[in-house]
C-alpha atoms as a PDB file:
ATOM      1  CA  UNK A   1     -51.291  10.882   4.600  1.00  0.00           C
ATOM      2  CA  UNK A   2     -51.465   9.223   8.009  1.00  0.00           C
ATOM      3  CA  UNK A   3     -50.319   5.593   6.463  1.00  0.00           C
ATOM      4  CA  UNK A   4     -47.232   7.587   5.298  1.00  0.00           C
ATOM      5  CA  UNK A   5     -45.739   8.695   8.187  1.00  0.00           C
ATOM      6  CA  UNK A   6     -42.272   6.629   6.812  1.00  0.00           C
ATOM      7  CA  UNK A   7     -42.144   9.166   3.688  1.00  0.00           C
ATOM      8  CA  UNK A   8     -40.868  12.209   5.775  1.00  0.00           C
ATOM      9  CA  UNK A   9     -37.979  10.335   8.256  1.00  0.00           C
ATOM     10  CA  UNK A  10     -37.184   8.737   4.229  1.00  0.00           C
ATOM     11  CA  UNK A  11     -37.002  11.759   2.352  1.00  0.00           C
ATOM     12  CA  UNK A  12     -34.649  13.213   4.961  1.00  0.00           C
ATOM     13  CA  UNK A  13     -32.239  10.187   4.642  1.00  0.00           C
ATOM     14  CA  UNK A  14     -32.370  10.515   1.337  1.00  0.00           C
ATOM     15  CA  UNK A  15     -31.335  13.968   1.956  1.00  0.00           C
ATOM     16  CA  UNK A  16     -28.715  13.628   4.433  1.00  0.00           C
ATOM     17  CA  UNK A  17     -26.986  10.892   1.967  1.00  0.00           C
ATOM     18  CA  UNK A  18     -27.138  13.128  -0.887  1.00  0.00           C
ATOM     19  CA  UNK A  19     -25.464  15.788   1.167  1.00  0.00           C
ATOM     20  CA  UNK A  20     -22.612  13.696   2.317  1.00  0.00           C
ATOM     21  CA  UNK A  21     -21.876  12.231  -1.394  1.00  0.00           C
ATOM     22  CA  UNK A  22     -21.475  15.473  -2.468  1.00  0.00           C
ATOM     23  CA  UNK A  23     -19.011  16.623   0.290  1.00  0.00           C
ATOM     24  CA  UNK A  24     -16.823  13.561  -0.456  1.00  0.00           C
ATOM     25  CA  UNK A  25     -16.854  14.680  -4.329  1.00  0.00           C
ATOM     26  CA  UNK A  26     -16.048  18.290  -3.299  1.00  0.00           C
ATOM     27  CA  UNK A  27     -13.157  17.151  -0.679  1.00  0.00           C
ATOM     28  CA  UNK A  28     -11.957  15.065  -3.482  1.00  0.00           C
ATOM     29  CA  UNK A  29     -12.123  17.570  -6.304  1.00  0.00           C
ATOM     30  CA  UNK A  30     -10.553  20.215  -3.689  1.00  0.00           C
ATOM     31  CA  UNK A  31      -7.691  17.899  -2.662  1.00  0.00           C
ATOM     32  CA  UNK A  32      -7.528  16.880  -6.542  1.00  0.00           C
ATOM     33  CA  UNK A  33      -6.561  20.871  -7.227  1.00  0.00           C
ATOM     34  CA  UNK A  34      -4.250  20.736  -4.556  1.00  0.00           C
ATOM     35  CA  UNK A  35      -2.193  17.872  -5.919  1.00  0.00           C
ATOM     36  CA  UNK A  36      -3.395  15.740  -2.962  1.00  0.00           C
ATOM     37  CA  UNK A  37      -4.734  12.106  -3.651  1.00  0.00           C
ATOM     38  CA  UNK A  38      -6.707  10.027  -1.449  1.00  0.00           C
ATOM     39  CA  UNK A  39      -6.817   6.277  -1.444  1.00  0.00           C
ATOM     40  CA  UNK A  40      -8.850   4.037   0.069  1.00  0.00           C
ATOM     41  CA  UNK A  41      -6.236   2.853   2.164  1.00  0.00           C
ATOM     42  CA  UNK A  42      -6.217   6.623   3.394  1.00  0.00           C
ATOM     43  CA  UNK A  43     -10.017   6.368   4.094  1.00  0.00           C
ATOM     44  CA  UNK A  44      -9.653   3.032   5.789  1.00  0.00           C
ATOM     45  CA  UNK A  45      -6.823   4.319   8.026  1.00  0.00           C
ATOM     46  CA  UNK A  46      -8.688   7.383   8.924  1.00  0.00           C
ATOM     47  CA  UNK A  47     -11.956   5.172   9.754  1.00  0.00           C
ATOM     48  CA  UNK A  48      -9.868   3.105  12.370  1.00  0.00           C
ATOM     49  CA  UNK A  49      -8.126   5.935  13.830  1.00  0.00           C
ATOM     50  CA  UNK A  50     -11.727   7.908  14.451  1.00  0.00           C
ATOM     51  CA  UNK A  51     -13.467   4.796  15.398  1.00  0.00           C
ATOM     52  CA  UNK A  52     -13.400   6.170  19.027  1.00  0.00           C
ATOM     53  CA  UNK A  53     -15.081   9.479  17.636  1.00  0.00           C
ATOM     54  CA  UNK A  54     -17.674   7.479  15.339  1.00  0.00           C
ATOM     55  CA  UNK A  55     -18.974   4.926  18.086  1.00  0.00           C
ATOM     56  CA  UNK A  56     -19.745   7.951  21.043  1.00  0.00           C
ATOM     57  CA  UNK A  57     -21.521   9.822  17.966  1.00  0.00           C
ATOM     58  CA  UNK A  58     -23.388   6.861  17.256  1.00  0.00           C
ATOM     59  CA  UNK A  59     -24.415   6.024  20.993  1.00  0.00           C
ATOM     60  CA  UNK A  60     -25.625   9.497  21.245  1.00  0.00           C
ATOM     61  CA  UNK A  61     -27.491   9.290  17.270  1.00  0.00           C
ATOM     62  CA  UNK A  62     -29.031   5.949  18.990  1.00  0.00           C
ATOM     63  CA  UNK A  63     -30.051   7.679  22.164  1.00  0.00           C
ATOM     64  CA  UNK A  64     -31.857  10.840  20.471  1.00  0.00           C
ATOM     65  CA  UNK A  65     -33.606   8.309  17.756  1.00  0.00           C
ATOM     66  CA  UNK A  66     -35.082   6.226  20.985  1.00  0.00           C
ATOM     67  CA  UNK A  67     -36.220   9.314  22.472  1.00  0.00           C
ATOM     68  CA  UNK A  68     -37.692  10.305  19.144  1.00  0.00           C
ATOM     69  CA  UNK A  69     -39.295   7.195  18.596  1.00  0.00           C
ATOM     70  CA  UNK A  70     -40.902   7.282  22.372  1.00  0.00           C
ATOM     71  CA  UNK A  71     -42.075  10.279  21.533  1.00  0.00           C
ATOM     72  CA  UNK A  72     -44.813   9.299  19.579  1.00  0.00           C
ATOM     73  CA  UNK A  73     -46.726   8.096  22.444  1.00  0.00           C
ATOM     74  CA  UNK A  74     -47.129  11.789  23.768  1.00  0.00           C
ATOM     75  CA  UNK A  75     -49.427  14.522  23.071  1.00  0.00           C
ATOM     76  CA  UNK A  76     -48.774  17.687  21.419  1.00  0.00           C
ATOM     77  CA  UNK A  77     -47.106  20.196  21.366  1.00  0.00           C
ATOM     78  CA  UNK A  78     -44.748  18.166  23.623  1.00  0.00           C
ATOM     79  CA  UNK A  79     -44.319  15.715  21.090  1.00  0.00           C
ATOM     80  CA  UNK A  80     -42.959  18.064  18.749  1.00  0.00           C
ATOM     81  CA  UNK A  81     -40.871  19.732  21.591  1.00  0.00           C
ATOM     82  CA  UNK A  82     -39.153  16.305  21.757  1.00  0.00           C
ATOM     83  CA  UNK A  83     -38.339  15.678  18.430  1.00  0.00           C
ATOM     84  CA  UNK A  84     -36.713  18.889  18.100  1.00  0.00           C
ATOM     85  CA  UNK A  85     -34.698  18.631  20.983  1.00  0.00           C
ATOM     86  CA  UNK A  86     -33.873  15.218  19.832  1.00  0.00           C
ATOM     87  CA  UNK A  87     -32.435  16.743  16.504  1.00  0.00           C
ATOM     88  CA  UNK A  88     -31.055  19.874  18.292  1.00  0.00           C
ATOM     89  CA  UNK A  89     -28.814  17.208  20.014  1.00  0.00           C
ATOM     90  CA  UNK A  90     -27.898  15.363  17.508  1.00  0.00           C
ATOM     91  CA  UNK A  91     -26.520  18.559  15.473  1.00  0.00           C
ATOM     92  CA  UNK A  92     -24.745  19.518  18.396  1.00  0.00           C
ATOM     93  CA  UNK A  93     -23.213  16.139  19.092  1.00  0.00           C
ATOM     94  CA  UNK A  94     -21.971  16.286  15.554  1.00  0.00           C
ATOM     95  CA  UNK A  95     -20.928  19.952  15.591  1.00  0.00           C
ATOM     96  CA  UNK A  96     -18.762  18.871  19.149  1.00  0.00           C
ATOM     97  CA  UNK A  97     -16.937  16.079  17.757  1.00  0.00           C
ATOM     98  CA  UNK A  98     -16.476  17.394  14.330  1.00  0.00           C
ATOM     99  CA  UNK A  99     -14.728  19.912  16.300  1.00  0.00           C
ATOM    100  CA  UNK A 100     -12.653  17.417  18.160  1.00  0.00           C
ATOM    101  CA  UNK A 101     -11.581  15.655  15.156  1.00  0.00           C
ATOM    102  CA  UNK A 102     -10.796  18.508  13.481  1.00  0.00           C
ATOM    103  CA  UNK A 103      -8.690  20.015  16.132  1.00  0.00           C
ATOM    104  CA  UNK A 104      -7.277  16.409  17.438  1.00  0.00           C
ATOM    105  CA  UNK A 105      -5.926  13.715  15.334  1.00  0.00           C
ATOM    106  CA  UNK A 106      -6.996  15.321  11.908  1.00  0.00           C
ATOM    107  CA  UNK A 107      -5.344  18.424  12.968  1.00  0.00           C
ATOM    108  CA  UNK A 108      -2.066  18.205  10.540  1.00  0.00           C
ATOM    109  CA  UNK A 109      -4.008  16.757   7.574  1.00  0.00           C
ATOM    110  CA  UNK A 110      -6.802  19.568   7.519  1.00  0.00           C
ATOM    111  CA  UNK A 111      -3.981  22.271   7.869  1.00  0.00           C
ATOM    112  CA  UNK A 112      -1.647  20.806   5.025  1.00  0.00           C
ATOM    113  CA  UNK A 113      -4.550  20.710   2.730  1.00  0.00           C
ATOM    114  CA  UNK A 114      -6.824  24.235   3.465  1.00  0.00           C
ATOM    115  CA  UNK A 115      -3.154  25.782   4.080  1.00  0.00           C
ATOM    116  CA  UNK A 116      -1.066  28.215   1.725  1.00  0.00           C
ATOM    117  CA  UNK A 117      -0.451  26.231  -1.523  1.00  0.00           C
ATOM    118  CA  UNK A 118       2.852  26.287  -3.196  1.00  0.00           C
ATOM    119  CA  UNK A 119       3.357  24.834  -6.496  1.00  0.00           C
ATOM    120  CA  UNK A 120       6.239  24.010  -8.171  1.00  0.00           C
ATOM    121  CA  UNK A 121       6.855  25.611 -11.688  1.00  0.00           C
ATOM    122  CA  UNK A 122       7.039  23.148 -14.837  1.00  0.00           C
ATOM    123  CA  UNK A 123      10.683  23.937 -15.264  1.00  0.00           C
ATOM    124  CA  UNK A 124      11.168  22.563 -11.739  1.00  0.00           C
ATOM    125  CA  UNK A 125       9.389  19.880 -12.176  1.00  0.00           C
ATOM    126  CA  UNK A 126      11.129  18.677 -15.421  1.00  0.00           C
ATOM    127  CA  UNK A 127      14.932  19.582 -13.670  1.00  0.00           C
ATOM    128  CA  UNK A 128      13.824  17.319 -10.727  1.00  0.00           C
ATOM    129  CA  UNK A 129      13.047  14.326 -12.909  1.00  0.00           C
ATOM    130  CA  UNK A 130      15.996  14.932 -14.669  1.00  0.00           C
ATOM    131  CA  UNK A 131      17.864  14.771 -11.402  1.00  0.00           C
ATOM    132  CA  UNK A 132      16.111  11.489 -10.215  1.00  0.00           C
ATOM    133  CA  UNK A 133      17.205  10.061 -13.472  1.00  0.00           C
ATOM    134  CA  UNK A 134      20.449  10.563 -13.026  1.00  0.00           C
ATOM    135  CA  UNK A 135      20.620   9.755  -9.319  1.00  0.00           C
ATOM    136  CA  UNK A 136      18.990   6.386 -10.834  1.00  0.00           C
ATOM    137  CA  UNK A 137      21.714   6.157 -13.114  1.00  0.00           C
ATOM    138  CA  UNK A 138      24.901   6.502 -11.245  1.00  0.00           C
ATOM    139  CA  UNK A 139      23.067   4.336  -8.292  1.00  0.00           C
ATOM    140  CA  UNK A 140      23.021   1.154 -10.748  1.00  0.00           C
ATOM    141  CA  UNK A 141      26.505  -0.600  -9.747  1.00  0.00           C
ATOM    142  CA  UNK A 142      27.991  -3.538 -12.164  1.00  0.00           C
ATOM    143  CA  UNK A 143      29.548  -5.673  -9.677  1.00  0.00           C
ATOM    144  CA  UNK A 144      30.512  -9.133 -11.807  1.00  0.00           C
ATOM    145  CA  UNK A 145      30.165  -9.729 -15.468  1.00  0.00           C
ATOM    146  CA  UNK A 146      31.991 -13.118 -15.129  1.00  0.00           C
ATOM    147  CA  UNK A 147      32.144 -14.659 -18.561  1.00  0.00           C
ATOM    148  CA  UNK A 148      31.454 -11.122 -20.568  1.00  0.00           C
ATOM    149  CA  UNK A 149      27.676 -12.124 -19.661  1.00  0.00           C
ATOM    150  CA  UNK A 150      26.820  -8.309 -20.683  1.00  0.00           C
ATOM    151  CA  UNK A 151      25.867  -6.814 -22.302  1.00  0.00           C
ATOM    152  CA  UNK A 152      23.017  -9.206 -23.894  1.00  0.00           C
ATOM    153  CA  UNK A 153      23.649  -8.270 -27.745  1.00  0.00           C
ATOM    154  CA  UNK A 154      22.433 -11.367 -28.728  1.00  0.00           C
ATOM    155  CA  UNK A 155      19.688 -12.389 -26.538  1.00  0.00           C
ATOM    156  CA  UNK A 156      16.093 -11.227 -27.903  1.00  0.00           C
ATOM    157  CA  UNK A 157      14.051 -13.834 -25.397  1.00  0.00           C
ATOM    158  CA  UNK A 158      15.047 -13.655 -21.447  1.00  0.00           C
ATOM    159  CA  UNK A 159      13.359 -15.783 -18.613  1.00  0.00           C
ATOM    160  CA  UNK A 160      12.935 -13.396 -15.606  1.00  0.00           C
ATOM    161  CA  UNK A 161      13.157 -15.282 -12.027  1.00  0.00           C
ATOM    162  CA  UNK A 162      12.931 -13.806  -8.823  1.00  0.00           C
ATOM    163  CA  UNK A 163       9.286 -12.660  -7.087  1.00  0.00           C
ATOM    164  CA  UNK A 164      10.492  -9.300  -6.640  1.00  0.00           C
ATOM    165  CA  UNK A 165      10.886  -8.903 -10.620  1.00  0.00           C
ATOM    166  CA  UNK A 166       6.901  -8.639 -10.632  1.00  0.00           C
ATOM    167  CA  UNK A 167       6.921  -6.137  -7.969  1.00  0.00           C
ATOM    168  CA  UNK A 168      10.008  -4.188  -7.322  1.00  0.00           C
ATOM    169  CA  UNK A 169      10.751  -1.922  -4.429  1.00  0.00           C
ATOM    170  CA  UNK A 170      10.947   1.734  -5.492  1.00  0.00           C
ATOM    171  CA  UNK A 171      11.257   3.562  -1.945  1.00  0.00           C
ATOM    172  CA  UNK A 172      11.759   2.973   1.313  1.00  0.00           C
ATOM    173  CA  UNK A 173       9.801   3.609   4.422  1.00  0.00           C
ATOM    174  CA  UNK A 174       8.894   7.399   5.610  1.00  0.00           C
ATOM    175  CA  UNK A 175      11.097   9.957   4.053  1.00  0.00           C
ATOM    176  CA  UNK A 176      12.046   7.473   1.318  1.00  0.00           C
ATOM    177  CA  UNK A 177       8.588   6.899   0.328  1.00  0.00           C
ATOM    178  CA  UNK A 178       7.794   7.662  -3.559  1.00  0.00           C
ATOM    179  CA  UNK A 179       5.042   7.607  -5.874  1.00  0.00           C
ATOM    180  CA  UNK A 180       4.614   4.502  -7.784  1.00  0.00           C
ATOM    181  CA  UNK A 181       1.960   5.478  -9.868  1.00  0.00           C
ATOM    182  CA  UNK A 182       3.772   6.679 -12.819  1.00  0.00           C
ATOM    183  CA  UNK A 183       7.048   4.406 -12.221  1.00  0.00           C
ATOM    184  CA  UNK A 184       8.072   2.175 -14.903  1.00  0.00           C
ATOM    185  CA  UNK A 185       8.082  -1.139 -13.694  1.00  0.00           C
ATOM    186  CA  UNK A 186      11.766  -3.681 -14.448  1.00  0.00           C
ATOM    187  CA  UNK A 187       9.551  -6.170 -16.821  1.00  0.00           C
ATOM    188  CA  UNK A 188       8.168  -2.879 -18.789  1.00  0.00           C
ATOM    189  CA  UNK A 189      11.615  -1.463 -18.893  1.00  0.00           C
ATOM    190  CA  UNK A 190      13.307  -4.815 -20.385  1.00  0.00           C
ATOM    191  CA  UNK A 191      10.527  -4.780 -22.835  1.00  0.00           C
ATOM    192  CA  UNK A 192      10.679  -1.288 -23.531  1.00  0.00           C
ATOM    193  CA  UNK A 193      14.768  -2.433 -24.553  1.00  0.00           C
ATOM    194  CA  UNK A 194      13.352  -5.073 -27.095  1.00  0.00           C
ATOM    195  CA  UNK A 195      13.375  -7.912 -24.771  1.00  0.00           C
ATOM    196  CA  UNK A 196      10.741 -10.673 -25.348  1.00  0.00           C
ATOM    197  CA  UNK A 197       9.836 -11.906 -21.665  1.00  0.00           C
ATOM    198  CA  UNK A 198       8.309 -15.561 -20.554  1.00  0.00           C
ATOM    199  CA  UNK A 199       4.995 -14.430 -19.542  1.00  0.00           C
ATOM    200  CA  UNK A 200       4.563 -17.833 -17.906  1.00  0.00           C
ATOM    201  CA  UNK A 201       7.045 -16.934 -14.914  1.00  0.00           C
ATOM    202  CA  UNK A 202       5.772 -13.604 -14.364  1.00  0.00           C
ATOM    203  CA  UNK A 203       2.150 -14.998 -14.369  1.00  0.00           C
ATOM    204  CA  UNK A 204       3.174 -17.458 -12.079  1.00  0.00           C
ATOM    205  CA  UNK A 205       4.396 -14.935  -9.726  1.00  0.00           C
ATOM    206  CA  UNK A 206       1.460 -12.546  -9.439  1.00  0.00           C
ATOM    207  CA  UNK A 207      -0.899 -15.749  -9.136  1.00  0.00           C
ATOM    208  CA  UNK A 208       1.526 -16.689  -6.098  1.00  0.00           C
ATOM    209  CA  UNK A 209       1.346 -13.153  -4.791  1.00  0.00           C
ATOM    210  CA  UNK A 210       0.184  -9.888  -6.096  1.00  0.00           C
ATOM    211  CA  UNK A 211       1.222  -7.348  -3.168  1.00  0.00           C
ATOM    212  CA  UNK A 212       4.604  -7.039  -1.377  1.00  0.00           C
ATOM    213  CA  UNK A 213       4.084  -7.493   2.675  1.00  0.00           C
ATOM    214  CA  UNK A 214       4.176  -3.750   4.088  1.00  0.00           C
ATOM    215  CA  UNK A 215       7.081  -2.689   5.616  1.00  0.00           C
ATOM    216  CA  UNK A 216       6.279   0.569   7.165  1.00  0.00           C
ATOM    217  CA  UNK A 217       6.870   3.194   9.821  1.00  0.00           C
ATOM    218  CA  UNK A 218       5.083   1.728  12.548  1.00  0.00           C
ATOM    219  CA  UNK A 219       4.892  -2.298  11.587  1.00  0.00           C
ATOM    220  CA  UNK A 220       7.084  -4.212   9.379  1.00  0.00           C
ATOM    221  CA  UNK A 221       6.475  -7.537   7.817  1.00  0.00           C
ATOM    222  CA  UNK A 222      10.035  -8.832   6.260  1.00  0.00           C
ATOM    223  CA  UNK A 223       8.722 -11.667   4.581  1.00  0.00           C
ATOM    224  CA  UNK A 224      10.804 -12.019   1.686  1.00  0.00           C
ATOM    225  CA  UNK A 225       8.446 -13.239  -0.969  1.00  0.00           C
ATOM    226  CA  UNK A 226       9.504 -16.378  -2.920  1.00  0.00           C
ATOM    227  CA  UNK A 227       7.659 -19.688  -4.266  1.00  0.00           C
ATOM    228  CA  UNK A 228       9.394 -23.047  -2.967  1.00  0.00           C
ATOM    229  CA  UNK A 229      10.659 -25.244  -5.357  1.00  0.00           C
ATOM    230  CA  UNK A 230       8.116 -27.450  -5.535  1.00  0.00           C
ATOM    231  CA  UNK A 231       5.518 -24.598  -6.715  1.00  0.00           C
ATOM    232  CA  UNK A 232       7.892 -24.063  -9.552  1.00  0.00           C
ATOM    233  CA  UNK A 233       8.212 -27.643  -9.991  1.00  0.00           C
ATOM    234  CA  UNK A 234       4.116 -28.507  -9.718  1.00  0.00           C
ATOM    235  CA  UNK A 235       3.413 -25.182 -12.183  1.00  0.00           C
ATOM    236  CA  UNK A 236       6.163 -26.465 -14.676  1.00  0.00           C
ATOM    237  CA  UNK A 237       8.017 -23.354 -14.563  1.00  0.00           C
ATOM    238  CA  UNK A 238      11.412 -24.417 -15.422  1.00  0.00           C
ATOM    239  CA  UNK A 239      10.645 -26.567 -18.088  1.00  0.00           C
ATOM    240  CA  UNK A 240       9.209 -24.185 -19.662  1.00  0.00           C
ATOM    241  CA  UNK A 241      11.475 -21.820 -19.397  1.00  0.00           C
ATOM    242  CA  UNK A 242      13.965 -23.774 -20.695  1.00  0.00           C
ATOM    243  CA  UNK A 243      11.894 -24.405 -24.149  1.00  0.00           C
ATOM    244  CA  UNK A 244      11.763 -20.705 -24.255  1.00  0.00           C
ATOM    245  CA  UNK A 245      15.629 -19.325 -23.771  1.00  0.00           C
ATOM    246  CA  UNK A 246      18.572 -20.298 -22.312  1.00  0.00           C
ATOM    247  CA  UNK A 247      19.061 -16.406 -20.651  1.00  0.00           C
ATOM    248  CA  UNK A 248      18.064 -16.049 -17.243  1.00  0.00           C
ATOM    249  CA  UNK A 249      17.357 -12.607 -15.152  1.00  0.00           C
ATOM    250  CA  UNK A 250      17.085 -13.253 -11.477  1.00  0.00           C
ATOM    251  CA  UNK A 251      16.014 -10.097  -9.285  1.00  0.00           C
ATOM    252  CA  UNK A 252      16.483 -10.111  -5.831  1.00  0.00           C
ATOM    253  CA  UNK A 253      15.146  -7.214  -3.853  1.00  0.00           C
ATOM    254  CA  UNK A 254      15.324  -5.397  -0.129  1.00  0.00           C
ATOM    255  CA  UNK A 255      13.379  -2.738   1.521  1.00  0.00           C
ATOM    256  CA  UNK A 256      15.039  -0.595   4.135  1.00  0.00           C
ATOM    257  CA  UNK A 257      13.818   2.890   5.751  1.00  0.00           C
ATOM    258  CA  UNK A 258      13.591   5.177   8.425  1.00  0.00           C
ATOM    259  CA  UNK A 259      11.828   4.274  12.093  1.00  0.00           C
ATOM    260  CA  UNK A 260      12.809   0.470  11.846  1.00  0.00           C
ATOM    261  CA  UNK A 261      16.344  -1.148  11.907  1.00  0.00           C
ATOM    262  CA  UNK A 262      17.023  -4.305   9.549  1.00  0.00           C
ATOM    263  CA  UNK A 263      16.556  -7.700  11.053  1.00  0.00           C
ATOM    264  CA  UNK A 264      19.891  -9.281  12.027  1.00  0.00           C
ATOM    265  CA  UNK A 265      18.241 -12.642  12.496  1.00  0.00           C
ATOM    266  CA  UNK A 266      15.136 -14.104  10.966  1.00  0.00           C
ATOM    267  CA  UNK A 267      13.028 -15.844  13.713  1.00  0.00           C
ATOM    268  CA  UNK A 268       9.778 -16.713  14.286  1.00  0.00           C
ATOM    269  CA  UNK A 269       8.191 -13.902  16.421  1.00  0.00           C
ATOM    270  CA  UNK A 270       5.382 -12.522  14.971  1.00  0.00           C
ATOM    271  CA  UNK A 271       3.620  -9.153  16.388  1.00  0.00           C
ATOM    272  CA  UNK A 272       2.628  -7.902  13.143  1.00  0.00           C
ATOM    273  CA  UNK A 273      -1.079  -7.031  12.775  1.00  0.00           C
ATOM    274  CA  UNK A 274      -3.102  -4.146  11.157  1.00  0.00           C
ATOM    275  CA  UNK A 275      -4.357  -1.712  13.601  1.00  0.00           C
ATOM    276  CA  UNK A 276      -5.149   1.574  12.192  1.00  0.00           C
ATOM    277  CA  UNK A 277      -3.696   4.471  13.759  1.00  0.00           C
ATOM    278  CA  UNK A 278      -0.986   6.605  12.213  1.00  0.00           C
ATOM    279  CA  UNK A 279       0.628   4.207   9.912  1.00  0.00           C
ATOM    280  CA  UNK A 280      -2.237   1.349   9.711  1.00  0.00           C
ATOM    281  CA  UNK A 281       0.379  -0.922  11.005  1.00  0.00           C
ATOM    282  CA  UNK A 282       2.368  -1.892  14.144  1.00  0.00           C
ATOM    283  CA  UNK A 283       4.655  -4.967  15.590  1.00  0.00           C
ATOM    284  CA  UNK A 284       6.846  -7.093  13.082  1.00  0.00           C
ATOM    285  CA  UNK A 285       7.026 -10.258  11.183  1.00  0.00           C
ATOM    286  CA  UNK A 286      10.302 -11.945  10.271  1.00  0.00           C
ATOM    287  CA  UNK A 287       8.981 -14.146   7.957  1.00  0.00           C
ATOM    288  CA  UNK A 288       5.921 -15.870   6.897  1.00  0.00           C
ATOM    289  CA  UNK A 289       7.679 -18.638   5.431  1.00  0.00           C
ATOM    290  CA  UNK A 290       8.475 -21.150   8.105  1.00  0.00           C
ATOM    291  CA  UNK A 291      11.241 -22.737   5.595  1.00  0.00           C
ATOM    292  CA  UNK A 292      13.237 -19.210   5.896  1.00  0.00           C
ATOM    293  CA  UNK A 293      13.041 -19.190   9.588  1.00  0.00           C
ATOM    294  CA  UNK A 294      16.799 -18.788  10.420  1.00  0.00           C
ATOM    295  CA  UNK A 295      17.973 -16.976  13.648  1.00  0.00           C
ATOM    296  CA  UNK A 296      21.465 -17.340  12.413  1.00  0.00           C
ATOM    297  CA  UNK A 297      20.809 -14.975   9.309  1.00  0.00           C
ATOM    298  CA  UNK A 298      20.073 -11.058   8.570  1.00  0.00           C
ATOM    299  CA  UNK A 299      17.796  -9.812   6.305  1.00  0.00           C
ATOM    300  CA  UNK A 300      20.089  -8.846   3.982  1.00  0.00           C
ATOM    301  CA  UNK A 301      21.310 -12.636   3.397  1.00  0.00           C
ATOM    302  CA  UNK A 302      19.285 -14.350   0.708  1.00  0.00           C
ATOM    303  CA  UNK A 303      16.548 -16.743   2.099  1.00  0.00           C
ATOM    304  CA  UNK A 304      16.463 -20.197   1.991  1.00  0.00           C
ATOM    305  CA  UNK A 305      13.783 -19.951  -0.839  1.00  0.00           C
ATOM    306  CA  UNK A 306      16.058 -17.727  -2.710  1.00  0.00           C
ATOM    307  CA  UNK A 307      19.306 -19.912  -2.546  1.00  0.00           C
ATOM    308  CA  UNK A 308      17.582 -22.880  -3.496  1.00  0.00           C
ATOM    309  CA  UNK A 309      15.885 -20.893  -6.588  1.00  0.00           C
ATOM    310  CA  UNK A 310      19.208 -19.076  -7.658  1.00  0.00           C
ATOM    311  CA  UNK A 311      20.857 -22.724  -7.412  1.00  0.00           C
ATOM    312  CA  UNK A 312      18.141 -24.256  -9.481  1.00  0.00           C
ATOM    313  CA  UNK A 313      18.484 -21.335 -12.414  1.00  0.00           C
ATOM    314  CA  UNK A 314      22.599 -21.514 -12.310  1.00  0.00           C
ATOM    315  CA  UNK A 315      21.996 -25.728 -13.077  1.00  0.00           C
ATOM    316  CA  UNK A 316      19.096 -25.368 -15.378  1.00  0.00           C
ATOM    317  CA  UNK A 317      20.274 -22.050 -17.723  1.00  0.00           C
ATOM    318  CA  UNK A 318      23.563 -21.218 -19.642  1.00  0.00           C
ATOM    319  CA  UNK A 319      23.854 -17.532 -19.000  1.00  0.00           C
ATOM    320  CA  UNK A 320      22.399 -16.154 -15.435  1.00  0.00           C
ATOM    321  CA  UNK A 321      22.411 -12.433 -14.494  1.00  0.00           C
ATOM    322  CA  UNK A 322      21.287 -11.527 -11.204  1.00  0.00           C
ATOM    323  CA  UNK A 323      20.407  -7.894 -10.140  1.00  0.00           C
ATOM    324  CA  UNK A 324      19.936  -6.370  -6.692  1.00  0.00           C
ATOM    325  CA  UNK A 325      16.909  -4.116  -6.180  1.00  0.00           C
ATOM    326  CA  UNK A 326      16.874  -1.980  -3.105  1.00  0.00           C
ATOM    327  CA  UNK A 327      15.906   1.468  -1.541  1.00  0.00           C
ATOM    328  CA  UNK A 328      15.901   3.262   1.606  1.00  0.00           C
ATOM    329  CA  UNK A 329      15.510   6.577   3.200  1.00  0.00           C
ATOM    330  CA  UNK A 330      17.991   9.073   3.952  1.00  0.00           C
ATOM    331  CA  UNK A 331      17.333  12.040   6.612  1.00  0.00           C
END
């Protein structure tokens, strides 16, 4: 048994890990029962927020472990006394730091998660969904219909251009944020309406960039994602699209929301970074595309890359429809 002194600490470690795993699963289940989702992004942001607390706890635990290891050189009963005091110090440190976390940075979240629950009835949810659909329908505005391009009664195949076609904006920042998990995407909606889409274009866009630059409460990356014409040509997109259909739909999107004014000048200033904290991001980036930097332009104007793409589409296709997608917050 003397040769297996490592066995007891190993068992303790396994038990601790198991308890933590069960606790995390229990918290996940509890939050799910209260219609609260916990994503990996939430976990990462929380870890960044609480990093100073974890560092303090790690230092205390490390000191306690060093003391316990050093105690092996002591004789009984002093050795057992020191080891018990080390364990007590760790437990006390965990209790104190957990209390500081619960009463400090995580107080609001814990209060919301464990406070009184008010659930909406099925009838209220159904009425809300119907209202949202009506608002969406009323928010769609036909600005122009040159040459009676719409409706597309005689069109079955459609080329959809614009990177935002693969990543539309469903809501803005802050109060304008929405749950996107059940959204019908723009491309899905077109397919549901009976159009056959050119997947070579959508695959090209998702390979170029599969997530939208974050525009959030704490920090904003206002970059308008769009490949260069050289990248379009290298992938043979326009040649493929012309053989697929003579009709093109171009999607232009802009985000908005509370806590940040829309840029009135696209400069090369870049202070945007992920730092954790209450929103995860700080600072601002006006564009990560050097050829889109233009201090004379505002965020609501077409970027240089968008202009080049749109002009090329207009020259290549007989019928072109432009869709403007935007979302924000209203308090």
